[in-house]
mmCIF file of all heavy atoms, coordinates in Angstrom:
data_MODEL
# 
_entry.id   MODEL 
# 
loop_
_atom_site.group_PDB 
_atom_site.id 
_atom_site.type_symbol 
_atom_site.label_atom_id 
_atom_site.label_alt_id 
_atom_site.label_comp_id 
_atom_site.label_asym_id 
_atom_site.label_entity_id 
_atom_site.label_seq_id 
_atom_site.pdbx_PDB_ins_code 
_atom_site.Cartn_x 
_atom_site.Cartn_y 
_atom_site.Cartn_z 
_atom_site.occupancy 
_atom_site.B_iso_or_equiv 
_atom_site.pdbx_formal_charge 
_atom_site.auth_seq_id 
_atom_site.auth_comp_id 
_atom_site.auth_asym_id 
_atom_site.auth_atom_id 
_atom_site.pdbx_PDB_model_num 
ATOM 1   N N   . ASN A 1 1  ? 0.815   -1.210  0.000   1.00 0.00 ? 1  ASN A N   1 
ATOM 2   C CA  . ASN A 1 1  ? 0.000   0.000   0.000   1.00 0.00 ? 1  ASN A CA  1 
ATOM 3   C C   . ASN A 1 1  ? 0.853   1.267   0.000   1.00 0.00 ? 1  ASN A C   1 
ATOM 4   O O   . ASN A 1 1  ? 0.418   2.310   -0.477  1.00 0.00 ? 1  ASN A O   1 
ATOM 5   C CB  . ASN A 1 1  ? -0.943  -0.005  1.194   1.00 0.00 ? 1  ASN A CB  1 
ATOM 6   C CG  . ASN A 1 1  ? -2.053  -1.034  1.050   1.00 0.00 ? 1  ASN A CG  1 
ATOM 7   O OD1 . ASN A 1 1  ? -2.392  -1.447  -0.063  1.00 0.00 ? 1  ASN A OD1 1 
ATOM 8   N ND2 . ASN A 1 1  ? -2.618  -1.468  2.164   1.00 0.00 ? 1  ASN A ND2 1 
ATOM 9   N N   . ALA A 1 2  ? 2.043   1.184   0.541   1.00 0.00 ? 2  ALA A N   1 
ATOM 10  C CA  . ALA A 1 2  ? 2.932   2.351   0.548   1.00 0.00 ? 2  ALA A CA  1 
ATOM 11  C C   . ALA A 1 2  ? 3.365   2.721   -0.868  1.00 0.00 ? 2  ALA A C   1 
ATOM 12  O O   . ALA A 1 2  ? 3.682   3.885   -1.145  1.00 0.00 ? 2  ALA A O   1 
ATOM 13  C CB  . ALA A 1 2  ? 4.137   2.087   1.422   1.00 0.00 ? 2  ALA A CB  1 
ATOM 14  N N   . LYS A 1 3  ? 3.390   1.717   -1.732  1.00 0.00 ? 3  LYS A N   1 
ATOM 15  C CA  . LYS A 1 3  ? 3.813   1.945   -3.118  1.00 0.00 ? 3  LYS A CA  1 
ATOM 16  C C   . LYS A 1 3  ? 2.648   1.918   -4.095  1.00 0.00 ? 3  LYS A C   1 
ATOM 17  O O   . LYS A 1 3  ? 2.850   2.004   -5.310  1.00 0.00 ? 3  LYS A O   1 
ATOM 18  C CB  . LYS A 1 3  ? 4.847   0.900   -3.531  1.00 0.00 ? 3  LYS A CB  1 
ATOM 19  C CG  . LYS A 1 3  ? 6.140   0.965   -2.743  1.00 0.00 ? 3  LYS A CG  1 
ATOM 20  C CD  . LYS A 1 3  ? 7.131   -0.078  -3.223  1.00 0.00 ? 3  LYS A CD  1 
ATOM 21  C CE  . LYS A 1 3  ? 8.436   0.021   -2.475  1.00 0.00 ? 3  LYS A CE  1 
ATOM 22  N NZ  . LYS A 1 3  ? 9.430   -0.997  -2.934  1.00 0.00 ? 3  LYS A NZ  1 
ATOM 23  N N   . ASN A 1 4  ? 1.428   1.768   -3.573  1.00 0.00 ? 4  ASN A N   1 
ATOM 24  C CA  . ASN A 1 4  ? 0.253   1.660   -4.449  1.00 0.00 ? 4  ASN A CA  1 
ATOM 25  C C   . ASN A 1 4  ? 0.459   0.605   -5.533  1.00 0.00 ? 4  ASN A C   1 
ATOM 26  O O   . ASN A 1 4  ? 0.127   0.808   -6.706  1.00 0.00 ? 4  ASN A O   1 
ATOM 27  C CB  . ASN A 1 4  ? -0.068  3.009   -5.110  1.00 0.00 ? 4  ASN A CB  1 
ATOM 28  C CG  . ASN A 1 4  ? -0.764  3.966   -4.174  1.00 0.00 ? 4  ASN A CG  1 
ATOM 29  O OD1 . ASN A 1 4  ? -0.828  3.743   -2.959  1.00 0.00 ? 4  ASN A OD1 1 
ATOM 30  N ND2 . ASN A 1 4  ? -1.293  5.052   -4.707  1.00 0.00 ? 4  ASN A ND2 1 
ATOM 31  N N   . THR A 1 5  ? 0.987   -0.525  -5.140  1.00 0.00 ? 5  THR A N   1 
ATOM 32  C CA  . THR A 1 5  ? 1.356   -1.561  -6.095  1.00 0.00 ? 5  THR A CA  1 
ATOM 33  C C   . THR A 1 5  ? 0.826   -2.919  -5.649  1.00 0.00 ? 5  THR A C   1 
ATOM 34  O O   . THR A 1 5  ? 0.852   -3.238  -4.455  1.00 0.00 ? 5  THR A O   1 
ATOM 35  C CB  . THR A 1 5  ? 2.882   -1.620  -6.263  1.00 0.00 ? 5  THR A CB  1 
ATOM 36  O OG1 . THR A 1 5  ? 3.353   -0.347  -6.737  1.00 0.00 ? 5  THR A OG1 1 
ATOM 37  C CG2 . THR A 1 5  ? 3.289   -2.688  -7.265  1.00 0.00 ? 5  THR A CG2 1 
ATOM 38  N N   . VAL A 1 6  ? 0.371   -3.673  -6.615  1.00 0.00 ? 6  VAL A N   1 
ATOM 39  C CA  . VAL A 1 6  ? -0.040  -5.048  -6.376  1.00 0.00 ? 6  VAL A CA  1 
ATOM 40  C C   . VAL A 1 6  ? 0.826   -5.952  -7.252  1.00 0.00 ? 6  VAL A C   1 
ATOM 41  O O   . VAL A 1 6  ? 1.195   -5.584  -8.373  1.00 0.00 ? 6  VAL A O   1 
ATOM 42  C CB  . VAL A 1 6  ? -1.554  -5.239  -6.647  1.00 0.00 ? 6  VAL A CB  1 
ATOM 43  C CG1 . VAL A 1 6  ? -1.920  -4.922  -8.084  1.00 0.00 ? 6  VAL A CG1 1 
ATOM 44  C CG2 . VAL A 1 6  ? -2.012  -6.639  -6.268  1.00 0.00 ? 6  VAL A CG2 1 
ATOM 45  N N   . TYR A 1 7  ? 1.163   -7.112  -6.710  1.00 0.00 ? 7  TYR A N   1 
ATOM 46  C CA  . TYR A 1 7  ? 2.072   -8.038  -7.379  1.00 0.00 ? 7  TYR A CA  1 
ATOM 47  C C   . TYR A 1 7  ? 1.390   -9.380  -7.617  1.00 0.00 ? 7  TYR A C   1 
ATOM 48  O O   . TYR A 1 7  ? 0.452   -9.749  -6.907  1.00 0.00 ? 7  TYR A O   1 
ATOM 49  C CB  . TYR A 1 7  ? 3.319   -8.267  -6.515  1.00 0.00 ? 7  TYR A CB  1 
ATOM 50  C CG  . TYR A 1 7  ? 4.063   -7.013  -6.149  1.00 0.00 ? 7  TYR A CG  1 
ATOM 51  C CD1 . TYR A 1 7  ? 3.833   -6.398  -4.918  1.00 0.00 ? 7  TYR A CD1 1 
ATOM 52  C CD2 . TYR A 1 7  ? 4.980   -6.446  -7.014  1.00 0.00 ? 7  TYR A CD2 1 
ATOM 53  C CE1 . TYR A 1 7  ? 4.505   -5.241  -4.567  1.00 0.00 ? 7  TYR A CE1 1 
ATOM 54  C CE2 . TYR A 1 7  ? 5.655   -5.284  -6.672  1.00 0.00 ? 7  TYR A CE2 1 
ATOM 55  C CZ  . TYR A 1 7  ? 5.422   -4.687  -5.453  1.00 0.00 ? 7  TYR A CZ  1 
ATOM 56  O OH  . TYR A 1 7  ? 6.098   -3.535  -5.107  1.00 0.00 ? 7  TYR A OH  1 
ATOM 57  N N   . LEU A 1 8  ? 1.920   -10.103 -8.582  1.00 0.00 ? 8  LEU A N   1 
ATOM 58  C CA  . LEU A 1 8  ? 1.492   -11.471 -8.799  1.00 0.00 ? 8  LEU A CA  1 
ATOM 59  C C   . LEU A 1 8  ? 2.738   -12.298 -9.089  1.00 0.00 ? 8  LEU A C   1 
ATOM 60  O O   . LEU A 1 8  ? 3.359   -12.148 -10.151 1.00 0.00 ? 8  LEU A O   1 
ATOM 61  C CB  . LEU A 1 8  ? 0.495   -11.594 -9.950  1.00 0.00 ? 8  LEU A CB  1 
ATOM 62  C CG  . LEU A 1 8  ? -0.093  -12.985 -10.140 1.00 0.00 ? 8  LEU A CG  1 
ATOM 63  C CD1 . LEU A 1 8  ? -0.999  -13.349 -8.953  1.00 0.00 ? 8  LEU A CD1 1 
ATOM 64  C CD2 . LEU A 1 8  ? -0.872  -13.088 -11.443 1.00 0.00 ? 8  LEU A CD2 1 
ATOM 65  N N   . GLN A 1 9  ? 3.103   -13.123 -8.135  1.00 0.00 ? 9  GLN A N   1 
ATOM 66  C CA  . GLN A 1 9  ? 4.212   -14.051 -8.330  1.00 0.00 ? 9  GLN A CA  1 
ATOM 67  C C   . GLN A 1 9  ? 3.644   -15.328 -8.915  1.00 0.00 ? 9  GLN A C   1 
ATOM 68  O O   . GLN A 1 9  ? 2.733   -15.922 -8.338  1.00 0.00 ? 9  GLN A O   1 
ATOM 69  C CB  . GLN A 1 9  ? 4.896   -14.339 -6.995  1.00 0.00 ? 9  GLN A CB  1 
ATOM 70  C CG  . GLN A 1 9  ? 6.011   -15.364 -7.091  1.00 0.00 ? 9  GLN A CG  1 
ATOM 71  C CD  . GLN A 1 9  ? 7.225   -14.820 -7.833  1.00 0.00 ? 9  GLN A CD  1 
ATOM 72  O OE1 . GLN A 1 9  ? 7.765   -13.767 -7.490  1.00 0.00 ? 9  GLN A OE1 1 
ATOM 73  N NE2 . GLN A 1 9  ? 7.669   -15.546 -8.852  1.00 0.00 ? 9  GLN A NE2 1 
ATOM 74  N N   . MET A 1 10 ? 4.184   -15.737 -10.048 1.00 0.00 ? 10 MET A N   1 
ATOM 75  C CA  . MET A 1 10 ? 3.663   -16.911 -10.745 1.00 0.00 ? 10 MET A CA  1 
ATOM 76  C C   . MET A 1 10 ? 4.773   -17.937 -10.872 1.00 0.00 ? 10 MET A C   1 
ATOM 77  O O   . MET A 1 10 ? 5.840   -17.645 -11.420 1.00 0.00 ? 10 MET A O   1 
ATOM 78  C CB  . MET A 1 10 ? 3.152   -16.516 -12.130 1.00 0.00 ? 10 MET A CB  1 
ATOM 79  C CG  . MET A 1 10 ? 2.115   -15.413 -12.094 1.00 0.00 ? 10 MET A CG  1 
ATOM 80  S SD  . MET A 1 10 ? 1.380   -15.067 -13.706 1.00 0.00 ? 10 MET A SD  1 
ATOM 81  C CE  . MET A 1 10 ? 2.801   -14.407 -14.571 1.00 0.00 ? 10 MET A CE  1 
ATOM 82  N N   . LEU A 1 11 ? 4.523   -19.107 -10.347 1.00 0.00 ? 11 LEU A N   1 
ATOM 83  C CA  . LEU A 1 11 ? 5.485   -20.203 -10.405 1.00 0.00 ? 11 LEU A CA  1 
ATOM 84  C C   . LEU A 1 11 ? 4.914   -21.331 -11.255 1.00 0.00 ? 11 LEU A C   1 
ATOM 85  O O   . LEU A 1 11 ? 3.696   -21.473 -11.394 1.00 0.00 ? 11 LEU A O   1 
ATOM 86  C CB  . LEU A 1 11 ? 5.778   -20.721 -8.997  1.00 0.00 ? 11 LEU A CB  1 
ATOM 87  C CG  . LEU A 1 11 ? 6.281   -19.718 -7.963  1.00 0.00 ? 11 LEU A CG  1 
ATOM 88  C CD1 . LEU A 1 11 ? 6.446   -20.409 -6.610  1.00 0.00 ? 11 LEU A CD1 1 
ATOM 89  C CD2 . LEU A 1 11 ? 7.559   -19.067 -8.387  1.00 0.00 ? 11 LEU A CD2 1 
ATOM 90  N N   . ASN A 1 12 ? 5.807   -22.158 -11.767 1.00 0.00 ? 12 ASN A N   1 
ATOM 91  C CA  . ASN A 1 12 ? 5.411   -23.351 -12.506 1.00 0.00 ? 12 ASN A CA  1 
ATOM 92  C C   . ASN A 1 12 ? 4.352   -23.020 -13.567 1.00 0.00 ? 12 ASN A C   1 
ATOM 93  O O   . ASN A 1 12 ? 3.291   -23.661 -13.627 1.00 0.00 ? 12 ASN A O   1 
ATOM 94  C CB  . ASN A 1 12 ? 4.889   -24.413 -11.539 1.00 0.00 ? 12 ASN A CB  1 
ATOM 95  C CG  . ASN A 1 12 ? 4.733   -25.764 -12.189 1.00 0.00 ? 12 ASN A CG  1 
ATOM 96  O OD1 . ASN A 1 12 ? 5.307   -26.039 -13.240 1.00 0.00 ? 12 ASN A OD1 1 
ATOM 97  N ND2 . ASN A 1 12 ? 3.938   -26.623 -11.568 1.00 0.00 ? 12 ASN A ND2 1 
ATOM 98  N N   . LEU A 1 13 ? 4.651   -22.057 -14.393 1.00 0.00 ? 13 LEU A N   1 
ATOM 99  C CA  . LEU A 1 13 ? 3.685   -21.607 -15.400 1.00 0.00 ? 13 LEU A CA  1 
ATOM 100 C C   . LEU A 1 13 ? 3.415   -22.685 -16.433 1.00 0.00 ? 13 LEU A C   1 
ATOM 101 O O   . LEU A 1 13 ? 4.290   -23.486 -16.784 1.00 0.00 ? 13 LEU A O   1 
ATOM 102 C CB  . LEU A 1 13 ? 4.207   -20.340 -16.072 1.00 0.00 ? 13 LEU A CB  1 
ATOM 103 C CG  . LEU A 1 13 ? 4.001   -19.062 -15.251 1.00 0.00 ? 13 LEU A CG  1 
ATOM 104 C CD1 . LEU A 1 13 ? 4.960   -17.980 -15.693 1.00 0.00 ? 13 LEU A CD1 1 
ATOM 105 C CD2 . LEU A 1 13 ? 2.559   -18.591 -15.374 1.00 0.00 ? 13 LEU A CD2 1 
ATOM 106 N N   . LYS A 1 14 ? 2.189   -22.694 -16.926 1.00 0.00 ? 14 LYS A N   1 
ATOM 107 C CA  . LYS A 1 14 ? 1.734   -23.686 -17.879 1.00 0.00 ? 14 LYS A CA  1 
ATOM 108 C C   . LYS A 1 14 ? 1.461   -23.030 -19.233 1.00 0.00 ? 14 LYS A C   1 
ATOM 109 O O   . LYS A 1 14 ? 1.172   -21.829 -19.312 1.00 0.00 ? 14 LYS A O   1 
ATOM 110 C CB  . LYS A 1 14 ? 0.478   -24.367 -17.348 1.00 0.00 ? 14 LYS A CB  1 
ATOM 111 C CG  . LYS A 1 14 ? 0.679   -25.019 -15.990 1.00 0.00 ? 14 LYS A CG  1 
ATOM 112 C CD  . LYS A 1 14 ? -0.599  -25.654 -15.479 1.00 0.00 ? 14 LYS A CD  1 
ATOM 113 C CE  . LYS A 1 14 ? -0.367  -26.304 -14.119 1.00 0.00 ? 14 LYS A CE  1 
ATOM 114 N NZ  . LYS A 1 14 ? -1.585  -26.964 -13.605 1.00 0.00 ? 14 LYS A NZ  1 
ATOM 115 N N   . LEU A 1 15 ? 1.526   -23.846 -20.257 1.00 0.00 ? 15 LEU A N   1 
ATOM 116 C CA  . LEU A 1 15 ? 1.308   -23.336 -21.618 1.00 0.00 ? 15 LEU A CA  1 
ATOM 117 C C   . LEU A 1 15 ? -0.016  -22.569 -21.738 1.00 0.00 ? 15 LEU A C   1 
ATOM 118 O O   . LEU A 1 15 ? -0.082  -21.519 -22.376 1.00 0.00 ? 15 LEU A O   1 
ATOM 119 C CB  . LEU A 1 15 ? 1.319   -24.491 -22.615 1.00 0.00 ? 15 LEU A CB  1 
ATOM 120 C CG  . LEU A 1 15 ? 2.655   -25.189 -22.846 1.00 0.00 ? 15 LEU A CG  1 
ATOM 121 C CD1 . LEU A 1 15 ? 2.451   -26.467 -23.653 1.00 0.00 ? 15 LEU A CD1 1 
ATOM 122 C CD2 . LEU A 1 15 ? 3.633   -24.262 -23.545 1.00 0.00 ? 15 LEU A CD2 1 
ATOM 123 N N   . GLU A 1 16 ? -1.048  -23.108 -21.111 1.00 0.00 ? 16 GLU A N   1 
ATOM 124 C CA  . GLU A 1 16 ? -2.385  -22.523 -21.246 1.00 0.00 ? 16 GLU A CA  1 
ATOM 125 C C   . GLU A 1 16 ? -2.543  -21.228 -20.480 1.00 0.00 ? 16 GLU A C   1 
ATOM 126 O O   . GLU A 1 16 ? -3.600  -20.600 -20.528 1.00 0.00 ? 16 GLU A O   1 
ATOM 127 C CB  . GLU A 1 16 ? -3.450  -23.529 -20.801 1.00 0.00 ? 16 GLU A CB  1 
ATOM 128 C CG  . GLU A 1 16 ? -3.321  -24.000 -19.373 1.00 0.00 ? 16 GLU A CG  1 
ATOM 129 C CD  . GLU A 1 16 ? -2.515  -25.289 -19.251 1.00 0.00 ? 16 GLU A CD  1 
ATOM 130 O OE1 . GLU A 1 16 ? -1.619  -25.522 -20.097 1.00 0.00 ? 16 GLU A OE1 1 
ATOM 131 O OE2 . GLU A 1 16 ? -2.786  -26.053 -18.308 1.00 0.00 ? 16 GLU A OE2 1 
ATOM 132 N N   . GLU A 1 17 ? -1.505  -20.824 -19.766 1.00 0.00 ? 17 GLU A N   1 
ATOM 133 C CA  . GLU A 1 17 ? -1.582  -19.566 -19.024 1.00 0.00 ? 17 GLU A CA  1 
ATOM 134 C C   . GLU A 1 17 ? -1.017  -18.390 -19.826 1.00 0.00 ? 17 GLU A C   1 
ATOM 135 O O   . GLU A 1 17 ? -0.907  -17.275 -19.314 1.00 0.00 ? 17 GLU A O   1 
ATOM 136 C CB  . GLU A 1 17 ? -0.884  -19.715 -17.676 1.00 0.00 ? 17 GLU A CB  1 
ATOM 137 C CG  . GLU A 1 17 ? -1.693  -20.663 -16.786 1.00 0.00 ? 17 GLU A CG  1 
ATOM 138 C CD  . GLU A 1 17 ? -1.070  -20.999 -15.472 1.00 0.00 ? 17 GLU A CD  1 
ATOM 139 O OE1 . GLU A 1 17 ? 0.159   -21.201 -15.405 1.00 0.00 ? 17 GLU A OE1 1 
ATOM 140 O OE2 . GLU A 1 17 ? -1.851  -21.112 -14.492 1.00 0.00 ? 17 GLU A OE2 1 
ATOM 141 N N   . THR A 1 18 ? -0.694  -18.656 -21.066 1.00 0.00 ? 18 THR A N   1 
ATOM 142 C CA  . THR A 1 18 ? -0.340  -17.574 -21.973 1.00 0.00 ? 18 THR A CA  1 
ATOM 143 C C   . THR A 1 18 ? -1.548  -16.660 -22.138 1.00 0.00 ? 18 THR A C   1 
ATOM 144 O O   . THR A 1 18 ? -2.635  -17.110 -22.499 1.00 0.00 ? 18 THR A O   1 
ATOM 145 C CB  . THR A 1 18 ? 0.079   -18.138 -23.341 1.00 0.00 ? 18 THR A CB  1 
ATOM 146 O OG1 . THR A 1 18 ? 1.298   -18.866 -23.179 1.00 0.00 ? 18 THR A OG1 1 
ATOM 147 C CG2 . THR A 1 18 ? 0.257   -17.033 -24.350 1.00 0.00 ? 18 THR A CG2 1 
ATOM 148 N N   . ALA A 1 19 ? -1.340  -15.386 -21.859 1.00 0.00 ? 19 ALA A N   1 
ATOM 149 C CA  . ALA A 1 19 ? -2.447  -14.434 -21.893 1.00 0.00 ? 19 ALA A CA  1 
ATOM 150 C C   . ALA A 1 19 ? -1.893  -13.036 -21.638 1.00 0.00 ? 19 ALA A C   1 
ATOM 151 O O   . ALA A 1 19 ? -0.727  -12.876 -21.274 1.00 0.00 ? 19 ALA A O   1 
ATOM 152 C CB  . ALA A 1 19 ? -3.489  -14.770 -20.829 1.00 0.00 ? 19 ALA A CB  1 
ATOM 153 N N   . VAL A 1 20 ? -2.746  -12.052 -21.809 1.00 0.00 ? 20 VAL A N   1 
ATOM 154 C CA  . VAL A 1 20 ? -2.434  -10.707 -21.334 1.00 0.00 ? 20 VAL A CA  1 
ATOM 155 C C   . VAL A 1 20 ? -2.991  -10.602 -19.920 1.00 0.00 ? 20 VAL A C   1 
ATOM 156 O O   . VAL A 1 20 ? -4.158  -10.922 -19.682 1.00 0.00 ? 20 VAL A O   1 
ATOM 157 C CB  . VAL A 1 20 ? -3.040  -9.629  -22.238 1.00 0.00 ? 20 VAL A CB  1 
ATOM 158 C CG1 . VAL A 1 20 ? -2.703  -8.240  -21.688 1.00 0.00 ? 20 VAL A CG1 1 
ATOM 159 C CG2 . VAL A 1 20 ? -2.525  -9.777  -23.656 1.00 0.00 ? 20 VAL A CG2 1 
ATOM 160 N N   . TYR A 1 21 ? -2.154  -10.187 -19.015 1.00 0.00 ? 21 TYR A N   1 
ATOM 161 C CA  . TYR A 1 21 ? -2.531  -10.067 -17.616 1.00 0.00 ? 21 TYR A CA  1 
ATOM 162 C C   . TYR A 1 21 ? -2.758  -8.602  -17.261 1.00 0.00 ? 21 TYR A C   1 
ATOM 163 O O   . TYR A 1 21 ? -1.958  -7.728  -17.616 1.00 0.00 ? 21 TYR A O   1 
ATOM 164 C CB  . TYR A 1 21 ? -1.446  -10.677 -16.729 1.00 0.00 ? 21 TYR A CB  1 
ATOM 165 C CG  . TYR A 1 21 ? -1.445  -12.182 -16.739 1.00 0.00 ? 21 TYR A CG  1 
ATOM 166 C CD1 . TYR A 1 21 ? -1.063  -12.897 -17.869 1.00 0.00 ? 21 TYR A CD1 1 
ATOM 167 C CD2 . TYR A 1 21 ? -1.853  -12.900 -15.614 1.00 0.00 ? 21 TYR A CD2 1 
ATOM 168 C CE1 . TYR A 1 21 ? -1.081  -14.283 -17.901 1.00 0.00 ? 21 TYR A CE1 1 
ATOM 169 C CE2 . TYR A 1 21 ? -1.882  -14.295 -15.628 1.00 0.00 ? 21 TYR A CE2 1 
ATOM 170 C CZ  . TYR A 1 21 ? -1.491  -14.974 -16.772 1.00 0.00 ? 21 TYR A CZ  1 
ATOM 171 O OH  . TYR A 1 21 ? -1.523  -16.353 -16.785 1.00 0.00 ? 21 TYR A OH  1 
ATOM 172 N N   . TYR A 1 22 ? -3.868  -8.385  -16.563 1.00 0.00 ? 22 TYR A N   1 
ATOM 173 C CA  . TYR A 1 22 ? -4.271  -7.042  -16.163 1.00 0.00 ? 22 TYR A CA  1 
ATOM 174 C C   . TYR A 1 22 ? -4.515  -7.006  -14.658 1.00 0.00 ? 22 TYR A C   1 
ATOM 175 O O   . TYR A 1 22 ? -4.896  -8.009  -14.054 1.00 0.00 ? 22 TYR A O   1 
ATOM 176 C CB  . TYR A 1 22 ? -5.590  -6.645  -16.820 1.00 0.00 ? 22 TYR A CB  1 
ATOM 177 C CG  . TYR A 1 22 ? -5.620  -6.679  -18.320 1.00 0.00 ? 22 TYR A CG  1 
ATOM 178 C CD1 . TYR A 1 22 ? -5.925  -7.847  -19.008 1.00 0.00 ? 22 TYR A CD1 1 
ATOM 179 C CD2 . TYR A 1 22 ? -5.383  -5.522  -19.066 1.00 0.00 ? 22 TYR A CD2 1 
ATOM 180 C CE1 . TYR A 1 22 ? -5.975  -7.872  -20.382 1.00 0.00 ? 22 TYR A CE1 1 
ATOM 181 C CE2 . TYR A 1 22 ? -5.444  -5.537  -20.461 1.00 0.00 ? 22 TYR A CE2 1 
ATOM 182 C CZ  . TYR A 1 22 ? -5.732  -6.729  -21.104 1.00 0.00 ? 22 TYR A CZ  1 
ATOM 183 O OH  . TYR A 1 22 ? -5.800  -6.742  -22.482 1.00 0.00 ? 22 TYR A OH  1 
ATOM 184 N N   . CYS A 1 23 ? -4.356  -5.851  -14.093 1.00 0.00 ? 23 CYS A N   1 
ATOM 185 C CA  . CYS A 1 23 ? -4.821  -5.660  -12.725 1.00 0.00 ? 23 CYS A CA  1 
ATOM 186 C C   . CYS A 1 23 ? -5.980  -4.672  -12.748 1.00 0.00 ? 23 CYS A C   1 
ATOM 187 O O   . CYS A 1 23 ? -6.144  -3.880  -13.673 1.00 0.00 ? 23 CYS A O   1 
ATOM 188 C CB  . CYS A 1 23 ? -3.710  -5.164  -11.807 1.00 0.00 ? 23 CYS A CB  1 
ATOM 189 S SG  . CYS A 1 23 ? -3.260  -3.439  -12.046 1.00 0.00 ? 23 CYS A SG  1 
ATOM 190 N N   . ASN A 1 24 ? -6.799  -4.743  -11.740 1.00 0.00 ? 24 ASN A N   1 
ATOM 191 C CA  . ASN A 1 24 ? -7.896  -3.812  -11.558 1.00 0.00 ? 24 ASN A CA  1 
ATOM 192 C C   . ASN A 1 24 ? -8.466  -4.040  -10.175 1.00 0.00 ? 24 ASN A C   1 
ATOM 193 O O   . ASN A 1 24 ? -8.049  -4.949  -9.442  1.00 0.00 ? 24 ASN A O   1 
ATOM 194 C CB  . ASN A 1 24 ? -8.963  -3.995  -12.631 1.00 0.00 ? 24 ASN A CB  1 
ATOM 195 C CG  . ASN A 1 24 ? -9.639  -2.670  -13.002 1.00 0.00 ? 24 ASN A CG  1 
ATOM 196 O OD1 . ASN A 1 24 ? -10.002 -1.891  -12.134 1.00 0.00 ? 24 ASN A OD1 1 
ATOM 197 N ND2 . ASN A 1 24 ? -9.785  -2.439  -14.296 1.00 0.00 ? 24 ASN A ND2 1 
# 
């Protein structure tokens, strides 16, 4: 919250997770 930032750590990614990722 101090940086107004949200993160997403993604491990063991799969082929089907190819996509454009958005936050909201």
